[in-house]
Amino acid sequence: MSEKRKYKKRYCKYCEAKVDFMDYKDVANIRFSLSERYKIMPRRLTGNCKRHQDMISIVIKRARAAALVPYVVTRKKVVTNPFENLK
């Protein structure tokens, strides 16, 4: 039997900062929870708690509806740093 790999425990950065409210217009905070193809990253990768992951998903969906963040990026249009245009 192989041994289980031990990973470093990830902590929710929003709990450490005591964040109670997230604004969909704040794209700088949203980008840490998005992949390079603008998909929402899962909790196991970001380390967010359930409460803050739910908040992030709602905020990202609102930002997409307001056209601050794109819905999907095709494989042909993937750029090295997608957040340069969001500044």
Protein backbone atom coordinates (compact mmCIF):
# COMPACT_ATOMS: atom_id res chain seq x y z
CA MET A 1 0.00 0.00 0.00
CA SER A 2 1.21 3.45 -0.79
CA GLU A 3 1.33 6.14 1.82
CA LYS A 4 -1.06 9.06 1.70
CA ARG A 5 0.45 12.32 0.60
CA LYS A 6 0.41 14.98 3.26
CA TYR A 7 -0.61 18.41 2.07
CA LYS A 8 -0.35 21.69 3.87
CA LYS A 9 -3.67 22.68 5.40
CA ARG A 10 -5.15 25.66 3.61
CA TYR A 11 -6.86 28.38 5.56
CA CYS A 12 -9.63 30.70 4.49
CA LYS A 13 -8.05 34.09 3.86
CA TYR A 14 -11.45 35.77 4.20
CA CYS A 15 -11.94 34.35 7.71
CA GLU A 16 -8.50 35.62 8.72
CA ALA A 17 -9.37 39.09 7.39
CA LYS A 18 -12.84 38.87 9.05
CA VAL A 19 -14.70 39.69 5.84
CA ASP A 20 -18.48 39.88 6.25
CA PHE A 21 -19.42 41.44 2.92
CA MET A 22 -17.98 41.14 -0.59
CA ASP A 23 -18.71 43.57 -3.38
CA TYR A 24 -19.08 42.34 -6.95
CA LYS A 25 -17.44 45.53 -8.26
CA ASP A 26 -14.16 44.72 -6.51
CA VAL A 27 -12.55 42.69 -9.30
CA ALA A 28 -9.16 42.64 -7.55
CA ASN A 29 -10.51 40.35 -4.82
CA ILE A 30 -12.54 38.25 -7.24
CA ARG A 31 -9.57 37.30 -9.40
CA PHE A 32 -8.00 35.10 -6.69
CA SER A 33 -10.97 32.74 -6.94
CA LEU A 34 -10.97 32.50 -10.75
CA SER A 35 -8.84 30.29 -12.97
CA GLU A 36 -7.06 31.48 -16.12
CA ARG A 37 -10.18 30.59 -18.09
CA TYR A 38 -12.39 32.56 -15.67
CA LYS A 39 -13.90 29.51 -14.02
CA ILE A 40 -14.71 29.53 -10.31
CA MET A 41 -12.01 27.64 -8.43
CA PRO A 42 -13.18 24.97 -5.96
CA ARG A 43 -12.75 25.12 -2.19
CA ARG A 44 -10.13 22.42 -2.14
CA LEU A 45 -7.81 24.60 -4.23
CA THR A 46 -8.50 28.01 -2.72
CA GLY A 47 -8.85 26.91 0.90
CA ASN A 48 -12.00 28.96 1.44
CA CYS A 49 -14.56 27.92 4.01
CA LYS A 50 -18.09 27.00 2.92
CA ARG A 51 -19.57 30.37 3.92
CA HIS A 52 -17.03 32.44 2.02
CA GLN A 53 -16.98 30.12 -1.00
CA ASP A 54 -20.75 30.62 -1.33
CA MET A 55 -20.26 34.39 -1.07
CA ILE A 56 -17.52 34.30 -3.71
CA SER A 57 -19.64 32.28 -6.14
CA ILE A 58 -22.54 34.73 -5.79
CA VAL A 59 -20.21 37.71 -6.23
CA ILE A 60 -18.61 36.20 -9.35
CA LYS A 61 -22.01 35.45 -10.87
CA ARG A 62 -23.12 39.03 -10.24
CA ALA A 63 -19.90 40.40 -11.75
CA ARG A 64 -20.45 38.22 -14.83
CA ALA A 65 -23.99 39.54 -15.21
CA ALA A 66 -22.67 43.10 -14.94
CA ALA A 67 -20.03 42.30 -17.61
CA LEU A 68 -17.09 42.96 -15.28
CA VAL A 69 -15.82 39.39 -15.69
CA PRO A 70 -16.36 37.27 -18.81
CA TYR A 71 -18.39 34.07 -18.63
CA VAL A 72 -16.11 31.79 -20.66
CA VAL A 73 -12.83 32.03 -22.50
CA THR A 74 -12.29 29.58 -25.36
CA ARG A 75 -9.07 27.60 -25.66
CA LYS A 76 -7.98 29.62 -28.65
CA LYS A 77 -8.30 32.94 -26.81
CA VAL A 78 -6.54 31.98 -23.56
CA VAL A 79 -3.89 34.55 -22.65
CA THR A 80 -0.97 34.22 -20.25
CA ASN A 81 -2.26 36.83 -17.79
CA PRO A 82 -6.03 37.33 -18.21
CA PHE A 83 -6.31 39.87 -15.40
CA GLU A 84 -4.28 42.56 -17.16
CA ASN A 85 -7.44 43.81 -18.89
CA LEU A 86 -9.47 43.92 -15.66
CA LYS A 87 -7.43 46.70 -14.00
